[in-house]
Amino acid sequence: MVIFRQEFVSAQKCVADRPGSPVKRECIVTRSSSVPKNDNAIVRYVRDTRAEVSKVTWPTREEGTRLTIVVLIVTLVSSLFLFSFDSFFSYLVTLFLKVF
């Protein structure tokens, strides 16, 4: 026999099983959150944020330093490429305007 479990946000009555049906329905009454109603939204937000931050796997100091260096190098190379590209087309536009 297959058990099919449904979760409801608010208390609801389940439909009775059909005779001979291979699916048995169980109803579980749950609330959308386990936070008491007297907490305001800001307190809930701060509590949830602290819980999520505690789940983060933070990089070590060596990894952070290495990745920061990689980002700085990629930024420098990209900016040099864009500067040269912009300078080249600026030169072409200047030549074009001098001709006409």
Protein backbone atom coordinates (compact mmCIF):
# COMPACT_ATOMS: atom_id res chain seq x y z
CA MET A 1 0.00 0.00 0.00
CA VAL A 2 1.33 3.44 -0.97
CA ILE A 3 1.07 6.20 1.61
CA PHE A 4 0.53 9.67 0.19
CA ARG A 5 1.26 12.47 2.65
CA GLN A 6 -0.13 15.96 2.21
CA GLU A 7 0.92 19.02 4.17
CA PHE A 8 -1.50 21.85 4.70
CA VAL A 9 -0.66 25.38 5.76
CA SER A 10 -3.76 25.65 7.89
CA ALA A 11 -5.94 23.05 9.53
CA GLN A 12 -8.10 21.32 6.92
CA LYS A 13 -10.07 18.11 6.85
CA CYS A 14 -8.82 15.43 4.52
CA VAL A 15 -11.02 13.69 2.03
CA ALA A 16 -11.86 10.20 3.19
CA ASP A 17 -10.12 7.32 1.44
CA ARG A 18 -12.00 5.76 -1.41
CA PRO A 19 -12.79 2.12 -0.77
CA GLY A 20 -10.31 -0.10 -2.57
CA SER A 21 -7.95 2.77 -3.37
CA PRO A 22 -4.23 1.87 -3.17
CA VAL A 23 -3.44 5.37 -1.90
CA LYS A 24 -3.97 6.12 1.78
CA ARG A 25 -4.08 9.81 2.61
CA GLU A 26 -2.58 11.16 5.80
CA CYS A 27 -3.16 14.76 6.70
CA ILE A 28 -0.57 16.69 8.65
CA VAL A 29 -1.46 20.08 10.00
CA THR A 30 1.54 22.37 9.89
CA ARG A 31 2.16 26.06 10.19
CA SER A 32 4.17 28.02 7.66
CA SER A 33 6.82 28.82 10.28
CA SER A 34 7.61 27.77 13.80
CA VAL A 35 8.11 31.37 14.96
CA PRO A 36 5.59 32.60 17.53
CA LYS A 37 3.18 35.24 16.33
CA ASN A 38 4.34 37.83 18.87
CA ASP A 39 7.70 38.28 17.06
CA ASN A 40 7.64 41.18 14.66
CA ALA A 41 9.03 41.02 11.13
CA ILE A 42 12.35 42.70 11.97
CA VAL A 43 13.15 40.27 14.79
CA ARG A 44 12.25 37.34 12.54
CA TYR A 45 14.41 38.75 9.74
CA VAL A 46 17.44 39.18 12.01
CA ARG A 47 16.97 35.70 13.52
CA ASP A 48 16.66 34.06 10.08
CA THR A 49 19.65 36.01 8.77
CA ARG A 50 21.85 34.92 11.68
CA ALA A 51 20.75 31.31 11.14
CA GLU A 52 21.65 31.47 7.44
CA VAL A 53 25.02 33.15 8.09
CA SER A 54 25.90 30.41 10.56
CA LYS A 55 25.37 27.81 7.79
CA VAL A 56 27.89 29.48 5.44
CA THR A 57 31.24 27.79 4.90
CA TRP A 58 33.64 30.72 5.05
CA PRO A 59 36.95 30.59 3.15
CA THR A 60 40.21 30.46 5.05
CA ARG A 61 42.49 33.50 5.14
CA GLU A 62 44.77 31.94 2.50
CA GLU A 63 41.85 31.22 0.15
CA GLY A 64 40.46 34.72 0.63
CA THR A 65 43.83 36.32 -0.10
CA ARG A 66 44.43 34.13 -3.16
CA LEU A 67 40.97 34.78 -4.59
CA THR A 68 41.31 38.53 -3.96
CA ILE A 69 44.58 38.57 -5.91
CA VAL A 70 42.92 36.66 -8.77
CA VAL A 71 40.06 39.19 -8.88
CA LEU A 72 42.48 42.14 -8.89
CA ILE A 73 44.56 40.63 -11.72
CA VAL A 74 41.49 39.87 -13.84
CA THR A 75 40.19 43.40 -13.22
CA LEU A 76 43.53 44.94 -14.22
CA VAL A 77 43.81 42.86 -17.41
CA SER A 78 40.20 43.63 -18.37
CA SER A 79 40.65 47.34 -17.80
CA LEU A 80 43.85 47.39 -19.89
CA PHE A 81 42.09 45.53 -22.70
CA LEU A 82 39.11 47.91 -22.64
CA PHE A 83 41.40 50.96 -22.48
CA SER A 84 43.37 49.80 -25.53
CA PHE A 85 40.18 48.93 -27.42
CA ASP A 86 38.68 52.34 -26.62
CA SER A 87 41.88 54.17 -27.52
CA PHE A 88 42.10 52.38 -30.86
CA PHE A 89 38.55 53.26 -31.86
CA SER A 90 38.96 56.80 -30.60
CA TYR A 91 41.98 57.13 -32.88
CA LEU A 92 39.99 55.73 -35.81
CA VAL A 93 37.14 58.17 -35.23
CA THR A 94 39.61 61.06 -35.01
CA LEU A 95 41.18 60.03 -38.35
CA PHE A 96 37.74 59.66 -39.91
CA LEU A 97 36.68 63.14 -38.73
CA LYS A 98 39.89 64.72 -40.02
CA VAL A 99 39.30 63.28 -43.49
CA PHE A 100 35.74 64.65 -43.71
